[in-house]
C-alpha atoms as a PDB file:
ATOM      1  CA  MET A   1       7.512  19.963  25.945  1.00  0.00           C
ATOM      2  CA  LEU A   2      10.499  19.024  23.722  1.00  0.00           C
ATOM      3  CA  LYS A   3       8.421  16.569  21.754  1.00  0.00           C
ATOM      4  CA  LYS A   4       5.573  19.213  21.239  1.00  0.00           C
ATOM      5  CA  SER A   5       8.224  22.075  20.184  1.00  0.00           C
ATOM      6  CA  PHE A   6       9.737  19.781  17.795  1.00  0.00           C
ATOM      7  CA  ASP A   7       6.506  18.707  16.254  1.00  0.00           C
ATOM      8  CA  ILE A   8       5.323  22.334  15.601  1.00  0.00           C
ATOM      9  CA  ILE A   9       8.479  23.653  14.407  1.00  0.00           C
ATOM     10  CA  LEU A  10       9.063  20.722  12.053  1.00  0.00           C
ATOM     11  CA  ALA A  11       5.361  20.887  10.790  1.00  0.00           C
ATOM     12  CA  PHE A  12       5.513  24.509  10.201  1.00  0.00           C
ATOM     13  CA  LEU A  13       8.743  24.247   8.329  1.00  0.00           C
ATOM     14  CA  GLY A  14       7.435  21.077   6.358  1.00  0.00           C
ATOM     15  CA  LEU A  15       4.303  23.106   5.423  1.00  0.00           C
ATOM     16  CA  VAL A  16       6.267  26.225   4.426  1.00  0.00           C
ATOM     17  CA  PHE A  17       8.769  24.483   2.345  1.00  0.00           C
ATOM     18  CA  LEU A  18       6.310  21.917   0.753  1.00  0.00           C
ATOM     19  CA  LEU A  19       3.482  24.228   0.162  1.00  0.00           C
ATOM     20  CA  PRO A  20       4.050  24.523  -3.711  1.00  0.00           C
ATOM     21  CA  LEU A  21       4.231  20.933  -3.948  1.00  0.00           C
ATOM     22  CA  LEU A  22       1.180  20.388  -1.647  1.00  0.00           C
ATOM     23  CA  ILE A  23      -0.630  22.858  -3.691  1.00  0.00           C
ATOM     24  CA  ILE A  24      -0.006  20.903  -7.053  1.00  0.00           C
ATOM     25  CA  ILE A  25      -0.744  17.579  -5.579  1.00  0.00           C
ATOM     26  CA  PHE A  26      -4.128  19.086  -4.177  1.00  0.00           C
ATOM     27  CA  LEU A  27      -4.855  20.304  -7.642  1.00  0.00           C
ATOM     28  CA  ALA A  28      -3.804  16.909  -9.174  1.00  0.00           C
ATOM     29  CA  CYS A  29      -6.207  15.393  -6.924  1.00  0.00           C
ATOM     30  CA  LEU A  30      -9.063  17.744  -7.688  1.00  0.00           C
ATOM     31  CA  ILE A  31      -8.577  16.856 -11.413  1.00  0.00           C
ATOM     32  CA  ASP A  32      -7.893  13.235 -10.738  1.00  0.00           C
ATOM     33  CA  THR A  33     -10.837  12.175  -8.331  1.00  0.00           C
ATOM     34  CA  LYS A  34     -13.358  14.877  -9.829  1.00  0.00           C
ATOM     35  CA  ASN A  35     -13.955  15.842  -6.133  1.00  0.00           C
ATOM     36  CA  HIS A  36     -12.709  18.361  -3.581  1.00  0.00           C
ATOM     37  CA  GLY A  37      -9.064  16.988  -3.468  1.00  0.00           C
ATOM     38  CA  LEU A  38      -8.836  16.292   0.205  1.00  0.00           C
ATOM     39  CA  PHE A  39     -10.307  13.416   2.109  1.00  0.00           C
ATOM     40  CA  ILE A  40     -11.389  14.113   5.517  1.00  0.00           C
ATOM     41  CA  GLN A  41     -12.383  11.472   8.114  1.00  0.00           C
ATOM     42  CA  GLU A  42     -13.081  11.416  11.898  1.00  0.00           C
ATOM     43  CA  ARG A  43     -10.481   9.339  13.686  1.00  0.00           C
ATOM     44  CA  ILE A  44      -9.615   8.556  17.357  1.00  0.00           C
ATOM     45  CA  GLY A  45      -7.125  10.866  19.060  1.00  0.00           C
ATOM     46  CA  GLN A  46      -5.506  11.426  22.160  1.00  0.00           C
ATOM     47  CA  TYR A  47      -7.639  10.307  25.296  1.00  0.00           C
ATOM     48  CA  GLY A  48     -10.036   8.898  22.866  1.00  0.00           C
ATOM     49  CA  GLN A  49     -11.203  12.271  21.556  1.00  0.00           C
ATOM     50  CA  LEU A  50     -12.600  12.462  17.706  1.00  0.00           C
ATOM     51  CA  PHE A  51     -10.582  14.900  15.644  1.00  0.00           C
ATOM     52  CA  LYS A  52     -10.416  15.256  11.585  1.00  0.00           C
ATOM     53  CA  ILE A  53      -7.721  13.696   9.685  1.00  0.00           C
ATOM     54  CA  TYR A  54      -6.707  15.169   6.338  1.00  0.00           C
ATOM     55  CA  LYS A  55      -5.260  13.211   3.420  1.00  0.00           C
ATOM     56  CA  PHE A  56      -5.118  13.915  -0.456  1.00  0.00           C
ATOM     57  CA  GLN A  57      -8.342  12.221  -2.021  1.00  0.00           C
ATOM     58  CA  THR A  58      -7.054   9.072  -3.956  1.00  0.00           C
ATOM     59  CA  ILE A  59     -10.563   7.487  -4.479  1.00  0.00           C
ATOM     60  CA  ASN A  60     -12.983   8.687  -7.204  1.00  0.00           C
ATOM     61  CA  PRO A  61     -16.361   9.188  -5.220  1.00  0.00           C
ATOM     62  CA  LYS A  62     -18.448   8.090  -8.158  1.00  0.00           C
ATOM     63  CA  THR A  63     -16.451   4.777  -9.158  1.00  0.00           C
ATOM     64  CA  GLN A  64     -15.385   4.203  -5.406  1.00  0.00           C
ATOM     65  CA  LYS A  65     -12.086   3.101  -6.944  1.00  0.00           C
ATOM     66  CA  ILE A  66      -8.527   4.005  -6.399  1.00  0.00           C
ATOM     67  CA  SER A  67      -7.355   6.225  -9.326  1.00  0.00           C
ATOM     68  CA  ARG A  68      -3.906   5.404 -10.761  1.00  0.00           C
ATOM     69  CA  PHE A  69      -2.448   8.617  -9.455  1.00  0.00           C
ATOM     70  CA  GLY A  70      -4.024   7.802  -5.945  1.00  0.00           C
ATOM     71  CA  ALA A  71      -2.483   4.527  -6.023  1.00  0.00           C
ATOM     72  CA  PHE A  72       0.824   6.282  -6.250  1.00  0.00           C
ATOM     73  CA  LEU A  73       0.027   8.766  -3.668  1.00  0.00           C
ATOM     74  CA  ARG A  74      -0.696   5.962  -1.331  1.00  0.00           C
ATOM     75  CA  ARG A  75       2.362   3.526  -2.251  1.00  0.00           C
ATOM     76  CA  SER A  76       4.542   6.648  -1.680  1.00  0.00           C
ATOM     77  CA  LYS A  77       2.362   7.919   1.465  1.00  0.00           C
ATOM     78  CA  ILE A  78       2.295  11.273   0.084  1.00  0.00           C
ATOM     79  CA  ASP A  79      -1.347  11.090   0.632  1.00  0.00           C
ATOM     80  CA  GLU A  80      -0.297  11.426   4.202  1.00  0.00           C
ATOM     81  CA  MET A  81       1.215  14.788   3.812  1.00  0.00           C
ATOM     82  CA  PRO A  82      -1.706  17.060   4.795  1.00  0.00           C
ATOM     83  CA  GLN A  83      -1.457  15.657   8.213  1.00  0.00           C
ATOM     84  CA  LEU A  84       1.249  18.275   8.886  1.00  0.00           C
ATOM     85  CA  PHE A  85      -1.693  20.470   9.340  1.00  0.00           C
ATOM     86  CA  ASN A  86      -2.848  18.161  11.927  1.00  0.00           C
ATOM     87  CA  ILE A  87       0.385  18.134  13.722  1.00  0.00           C
ATOM     88  CA  LEU A  88       0.681  21.699  13.667  1.00  0.00           C
ATOM     89  CA  ILE A  89      -2.769  22.155  15.232  1.00  0.00           C
ATOM     90  CA  GLY A  90      -1.940  19.800  17.728  1.00  0.00           C
ATOM     91  CA  ASP A  91      -4.237  16.892  16.789  1.00  0.00           C
ATOM     92  CA  MET A  92      -1.394  14.801  16.047  1.00  0.00           C
ATOM     93  CA  SER A  93       2.396  14.207  16.515  1.00  0.00           C
ATOM     94  CA  PHE A  94       5.121  12.944  14.233  1.00  0.00           C
ATOM     95  CA  VAL A  95       5.587   9.795  16.200  1.00  0.00           C
ATOM     96  CA  GLY A  96       2.882   7.882  17.650  1.00  0.00           C
ATOM     97  CA  PRO A  97       0.332   5.422  17.224  1.00  0.00           C
ATOM     98  CA  ARG A  98      -1.616   5.916  13.550  1.00  0.00           C
ATOM     99  CA  PRO A  99      -5.159   7.202  14.232  1.00  0.00           C
ATOM    100  CA  ASP A 100      -7.684   4.683  13.659  1.00  0.00           C
ATOM    101  CA  VAL A 101     -11.533   4.888  12.855  1.00  0.00           C
ATOM    102  CA  PRO A 102     -13.702   4.408  15.693  1.00  0.00           C
ATOM    103  CA  GLY A 103     -14.302   0.875  16.983  1.00  0.00           C
ATOM    104  CA  TYR A 104     -10.655  -0.189  17.600  1.00  0.00           C
ATOM    105  CA  TYR A 105      -8.606   2.068  19.787  1.00  0.00           C
ATOM    106  CA  ASP A 106     -11.517   3.531  21.572  1.00  0.00           C
ATOM    107  CA  GLN A 107     -12.637  -0.106  22.508  1.00  0.00           C
ATOM    108  CA  LEU A 108      -9.130  -1.013  24.255  1.00  0.00           C
ATOM    109  CA  VAL A 109      -9.430  -2.029  27.862  1.00  0.00           C
ATOM    110  CA  GLY A 110      -7.017  -2.625  30.800  1.00  0.00           C
ATOM    111  CA  GLU A 111      -3.538  -1.783  30.148  1.00  0.00           C
ATOM    112  CA  ASN A 112      -3.932  -1.266  26.293  1.00  0.00           C
ATOM    113  CA  ARG A 113      -5.819   1.608  27.155  1.00  0.00           C
ATOM    114  CA  LYS A 114      -2.627   3.612  27.959  1.00  0.00           C
ATOM    115  CA  ILE A 115      -2.140   4.092  24.105  1.00  0.00           C
ATOM    116  CA  LEU A 116      -4.989   6.518  24.182  1.00  0.00           C
ATOM    117  CA  ARG A 117      -2.739   8.836  26.158  1.00  0.00           C
ATOM    118  CA  LEU A 118      -0.462   9.344  23.463  1.00  0.00           C
ATOM    119  CA  LYS A 119      -1.281  11.550  20.464  1.00  0.00           C
ATOM    120  CA  PRO A 120      -1.636   9.766  17.224  1.00  0.00           C
ATOM    121  CA  GLY A 121       1.289  10.209  14.946  1.00  0.00           C
ATOM    122  CA  LEU A 122       2.163  10.191  11.305  1.00  0.00           C
ATOM    123  CA  THR A 123       4.531   7.180  11.716  1.00  0.00           C
ATOM    124  CA  SER A 124       5.328   4.400  14.296  1.00  0.00           C
ATOM    125  CA  GLU A 125       7.214   1.335  14.547  1.00  0.00           C
ATOM    126  CA  ALA A 126       3.451  -0.286  13.694  1.00  0.00           C
ATOM    127  CA  SER A 127       3.209   1.684  10.694  1.00  0.00           C
ATOM    128  CA  ILE A 128       6.689   1.132   9.186  1.00  0.00           C
ATOM    129  CA  LYS A 129       5.957  -2.800   9.944  1.00  0.00           C
ATOM    130  CA  TYR A 130       2.680  -2.906   8.053  1.00  0.00           C
ATOM    131  CA  ALA A 131       3.431  -0.117   5.468  1.00  0.00           C
ATOM    132  CA  ASN A 132       2.006  -2.589   2.975  1.00  0.00           C
ATOM    133  CA  GLU A 133      -1.287  -3.179   4.946  1.00  0.00           C
ATOM    134  CA  GLU A 134      -3.575  -2.830   2.278  1.00  0.00           C
ATOM    135  CA  GLU A 135      -1.728  -5.444   0.129  1.00  0.00           C
ATOM    136  CA  LEU A 136      -1.330  -7.973   2.994  1.00  0.00           C
ATOM    137  CA  LEU A 137      -5.212  -7.631   3.727  1.00  0.00           C
ATOM    138  CA  ASP A 138      -5.946  -8.163  -0.098  1.00  0.00           C
ATOM    139  CA  GLN A 139      -4.161 -11.569   0.153  1.00  0.00           C
ATOM    140  CA  GLN A 140      -6.501 -12.724   3.021  1.00  0.00           C
ATOM    141  CA  GLU A 141      -9.725 -14.838   2.425  1.00  0.00           C
ATOM    142  CA  ASN A 142     -11.089 -12.743   5.277  1.00  0.00           C
ATOM    143  CA  PRO A 143      -9.374  -9.453   5.496  1.00  0.00           C
ATOM    144  CA  LEU A 144     -11.336  -7.979   8.219  1.00  0.00           C
ATOM    145  CA  ALA A 145     -10.926 -11.080  10.633  1.00  0.00           C
ATOM    146  CA  TYR A 146      -7.169 -10.976   9.553  1.00  0.00           C
ATOM    147  CA  ASN A 147      -7.022  -7.236  10.688  1.00  0.00           C
ATOM    148  CA  ASP A 148      -8.889  -7.732  13.977  1.00  0.00           C
ATOM    149  CA  ASN A 149      -7.225 -10.871  15.014  1.00  0.00           C
ATOM    150  CA  THR A 150      -3.498 -10.493  13.546  1.00  0.00           C
ATOM    151  CA  ILE A 151      -2.532  -6.943  12.638  1.00  0.00           C
ATOM    152  CA  PHE A 152      -4.520  -4.895  15.032  1.00  0.00           C
ATOM    153  CA  PRO A 153      -3.430  -6.871  18.018  1.00  0.00           C
ATOM    154  CA  ASP A 154       0.221  -6.586  16.843  1.00  0.00           C
ATOM    155  CA  LYS A 155      -0.101  -2.826  16.454  1.00  0.00           C
ATOM    156  CA  VAL A 156      -1.423  -2.695  19.948  1.00  0.00           C
ATOM    157  CA  LYS A 157       1.439  -4.538  21.385  1.00  0.00           C
ATOM    158  CA  MET A 158       3.963  -2.223  19.298  1.00  0.00           C
ATOM    159  CA  ASN A 159       2.397   0.836  20.360  1.00  0.00           C
ATOM    160  CA  LEU A 160       2.056  -0.174  24.252  1.00  0.00           C
ATOM    161  CA  HIS A 161       5.874  -0.975  23.852  1.00  0.00           C
ATOM    162  CA  TYR A 162       6.440   2.733  22.420  1.00  0.00           C
ATOM    163  CA  TYR A 163       4.406   4.192  25.120  1.00  0.00           C
ATOM    164  CA  ASN A 164       6.402   2.323  27.739  1.00  0.00           C
ATOM    165  CA  ASN A 165       9.662   3.394  26.312  1.00  0.00           C
ATOM    166  CA  GLN A 166       9.112   6.625  24.464  1.00  0.00           C
ATOM    167  CA  SER A 167      11.667   9.306  24.342  1.00  0.00           C
ATOM    168  CA  PHE A 168      12.872  11.896  21.949  1.00  0.00           C
ATOM    169  CA  LEU A 169      15.611   9.323  20.966  1.00  0.00           C
ATOM    170  CA  LEU A 170      13.356   6.788  20.148  1.00  0.00           C
ATOM    171  CA  ASP A 171      11.230   9.323  18.073  1.00  0.00           C
ATOM    172  CA  LEU A 172      14.222  10.245  15.967  1.00  0.00           C
ATOM    173  CA  GLN A 173      14.929   6.634  15.449  1.00  0.00           C
ATOM    174  CA  ILE A 174      11.374   5.880  14.179  1.00  0.00           C
ATOM    175  CA  ILE A 175      11.377   9.026  11.818  1.00  0.00           C
ATOM    176  CA  VAL A 176      14.903   7.953  10.381  1.00  0.00           C
ATOM    177  CA  LYS A 177      13.604   4.436   9.905  1.00  0.00           C
ATOM    178  CA  THR A 178      10.340   5.788   8.140  1.00  0.00           C
ATOM    179  CA  ILE A 179      12.468   8.033   5.873  1.00  0.00           C
ATOM    180  CA  PHE A 180      14.469   5.162   4.777  1.00  0.00           C
ATOM    181  CA  LYS A 181      11.560   2.817   4.335  1.00  0.00           C
END
């Protein structure tokens, strides 16, 4: 109950205080990508339920390339800020496993399926460790195999550790680590 209240209050305050900045970034994304400014995609949520995640648009849909402004938004993680809305409506939490596309978390078996009991989060120990995941994958000869055989299993291990040790204090520690990362 404390986690849910914390999430709702902090997301609401974040949206209220950041609204002018979010509007400016949204308008910049609209102009930059020549698209609607938001990226909306289905992701796997709590209990394996699909939900729509919101991010600022960083790719021009005509060229399928990340724009210069989009690259900045991704590096700084500002592209994730619309997820405050996901937290406010209860699809996500501030701390929990990052929501993935279908075909990963929803395919977990055995003990690892416990991760699906958690709400996906804006941050986690795994997202801190793999903050440069795109760059890491770009360096691989076979990025998909590297993700499937190395990164994803490590994320599962870290998220299962979070599941087994979750507490409000741990959430605060992860949030502080995220801010200073």
